[in-house]
Structure formats: C-alpha cells, structure tokens
C-alpha cells in the first residue's frame, strides 16, 4: 500500500513562507531565515551586499519572491 496520504487542501507545514510579522519590507529575508533556521540579519546583509557589489538581479529577485510567495 502506498504511504502517500490524501491532502485536505490545507497549507503545507514545511517550506518557505513570507514572515510578514517579523519582516522589514515584505518579509522575504525573515521568511528565508525561518526556512533555513538562521538569523534574518545575515540574509538582509547578503541581499544588501549583493546589490552594492553590482549583482543587478537581487532587487528583481526579491520583488518576484515577495509577489509570488505566500
């Protein structure tokens, strides 16, 4: 017999979700931090550093994740 269970259409318990309560802008970095069990400040610093170092896709990626997720 299969170990798969029938879903009731509820939200998944694990995975990435925006954390709007602890977020500063959209909750993307705090959501990533919660999913990876790290501190959100490291994700925020990483996004800022990547943007300042000239990686031009960080801002569009951040906005896309904010609009698509949750």
C-alpha atoms as a PDB file:
ATOM      1  CA  UNK A   1       0.000   0.000   0.000  1.00  0.00           C
ATOM      2  CA  UNK A   2       1.203   3.500  -0.752  1.00  0.00           C
ATOM      3  CA  UNK A   3       2.493   5.697   2.048  1.00  0.00           C
ATOM      4  CA  UNK A   4       1.036   8.790   0.442  1.00  0.00           C
ATOM      5  CA  UNK A   5      -1.846  10.380   2.272  1.00  0.00           C
ATOM      6  CA  UNK A   6      -4.684  12.309   0.771  1.00  0.00           C
ATOM      7  CA  UNK A   7      -4.346  16.044   1.217  1.00  0.00           C
ATOM      8  CA  UNK A   8      -7.243  18.042   2.586  1.00  0.00           C
ATOM      9  CA  UNK A   9      -6.167  21.112   0.655  1.00  0.00           C
ATOM     10  CA  UNK A  10      -4.569  22.757   3.683  1.00  0.00           C
ATOM     11  CA  UNK A  11      -1.393  24.750   3.641  1.00  0.00           C
ATOM     12  CA  UNK A  12       1.885  22.846   3.892  1.00  0.00           C
ATOM     13  CA  UNK A  13       3.562  22.902   7.283  1.00  0.00           C
ATOM     14  CA  UNK A  14       7.138  22.990   5.999  1.00  0.00           C
ATOM     15  CA  UNK A  15       8.778  25.070   3.320  1.00  0.00           C
ATOM     16  CA  UNK A  16       9.224  28.719   2.523  1.00  0.00           C
ATOM     17  CA  UNK A  17       6.625  31.276   3.521  1.00  0.00           C
ATOM     18  CA  UNK A  18       6.874  35.028   3.898  1.00  0.00           C
ATOM     19  CA  UNK A  19       7.230  36.145   7.511  1.00  0.00           C
ATOM     20  CA  UNK A  20       5.368  39.443   7.385  1.00  0.00           C
ATOM     21  CA  UNK A  21       5.187  39.758  11.169  1.00  0.00           C
ATOM     22  CA  UNK A  22       8.985  39.833  11.611  1.00  0.00           C
ATOM     23  CA  UNK A  23       9.799  41.281   8.195  1.00  0.00           C
ATOM     24  CA  UNK A  24      11.079  44.755   7.477  1.00  0.00           C
ATOM     25  CA  UNK A  25       9.784  45.268   3.944  1.00  0.00           C
ATOM     26  CA  UNK A  26       7.881  42.268   2.568  1.00  0.00           C
ATOM     27  CA  UNK A  27       9.148  39.540   4.897  1.00  0.00           C
ATOM     28  CA  UNK A  28      11.274  37.776   2.287  1.00  0.00           C
ATOM     29  CA  UNK A  29      14.528  37.685   4.252  1.00  0.00           C
ATOM     30  CA  UNK A  30      12.818  36.737   7.502  1.00  0.00           C
ATOM     31  CA  UNK A  31      10.908  34.007   5.664  1.00  0.00           C
ATOM     32  CA  UNK A  32      14.129  32.634   4.188  1.00  0.00           C
ATOM     33  CA  UNK A  33      15.742  32.815   7.627  1.00  0.00           C
ATOM     34  CA  UNK A  34      12.871  30.909   9.180  1.00  0.00           C
ATOM     35  CA  UNK A  35      13.004  28.237   6.458  1.00  0.00           C
ATOM     36  CA  UNK A  36      16.781  27.801   6.816  1.00  0.00           C
ATOM     37  CA  UNK A  37      16.852  28.205  10.614  1.00  0.00           C
ATOM     38  CA  UNK A  38      19.270  31.137  10.518  1.00  0.00           C
ATOM     39  CA  UNK A  39      19.143  34.738  11.643  1.00  0.00           C
ATOM     40  CA  UNK A  40      17.412  37.136   9.241  1.00  0.00           C
ATOM     41  CA  UNK A  41      20.158  39.752   9.599  1.00  0.00           C
ATOM     42  CA  UNK A  42      22.544  37.522   7.611  1.00  0.00           C
ATOM     43  CA  UNK A  43      20.081  37.266   4.720  1.00  0.00           C
ATOM     44  CA  UNK A  44      19.453  41.002   4.803  1.00  0.00           C
ATOM     45  CA  UNK A  45      23.185  41.747   4.806  1.00  0.00           C
ATOM     46  CA  UNK A  46      23.662  39.280   1.955  1.00  0.00           C
ATOM     47  CA  UNK A  47      20.997  40.948  -0.172  1.00  0.00           C
ATOM     48  CA  UNK A  48      22.417  44.413   0.530  1.00  0.00           C
ATOM     49  CA  UNK A  49      25.993  43.279  -0.156  1.00  0.00           C
ATOM     50  CA  UNK A  50      24.985  41.570  -3.402  1.00  0.00           C
ATOM     51  CA  UNK A  51      23.153  44.694  -4.526  1.00  0.00           C
ATOM     52  CA  UNK A  52      26.052  47.002  -3.654  1.00  0.00           C
ATOM     53  CA  UNK A  53      28.591  44.714  -5.326  1.00  0.00           C
ATOM     54  CA  UNK A  54      26.760  45.063  -8.601  1.00  0.00           C
ATOM     55  CA  UNK A  55      24.662  41.916  -8.838  1.00  0.00           C
ATOM     56  CA  UNK A  56      21.715  43.606 -10.517  1.00  0.00           C
ATOM     57  CA  UNK A  57      19.300  40.714 -10.186  1.00  0.00           C
ATOM     58  CA  UNK A  58      18.940  40.822  -6.409  1.00  0.00           C
ATOM     59  CA  UNK A  59      16.271  43.525  -6.369  1.00  0.00           C
ATOM     60  CA  UNK A  60      14.102  41.924  -9.101  1.00  0.00           C
ATOM     61  CA  UNK A  61      14.507  38.512  -7.446  1.00  0.00           C
ATOM     62  CA  UNK A  62      13.493  39.962  -4.068  1.00  0.00           C
ATOM     63  CA  UNK A  63      10.409  41.620  -5.584  1.00  0.00           C
ATOM     64  CA  UNK A  64       9.482  38.460  -7.516  1.00  0.00           C
ATOM     65  CA  UNK A  65       9.711  36.323  -4.381  1.00  0.00           C
ATOM     66  CA  UNK A  66       7.651  38.878  -2.459  1.00  0.00           C
ATOM     67  CA  UNK A  67       4.922  38.838  -5.100  1.00  0.00           C
ATOM     68  CA  UNK A  68       4.890  35.095  -5.802  1.00  0.00           C
ATOM     69  CA  UNK A  69       5.342  33.602  -2.338  1.00  0.00           C
ATOM     70  CA  UNK A  70       2.552  33.277   0.176  1.00  0.00           C
END
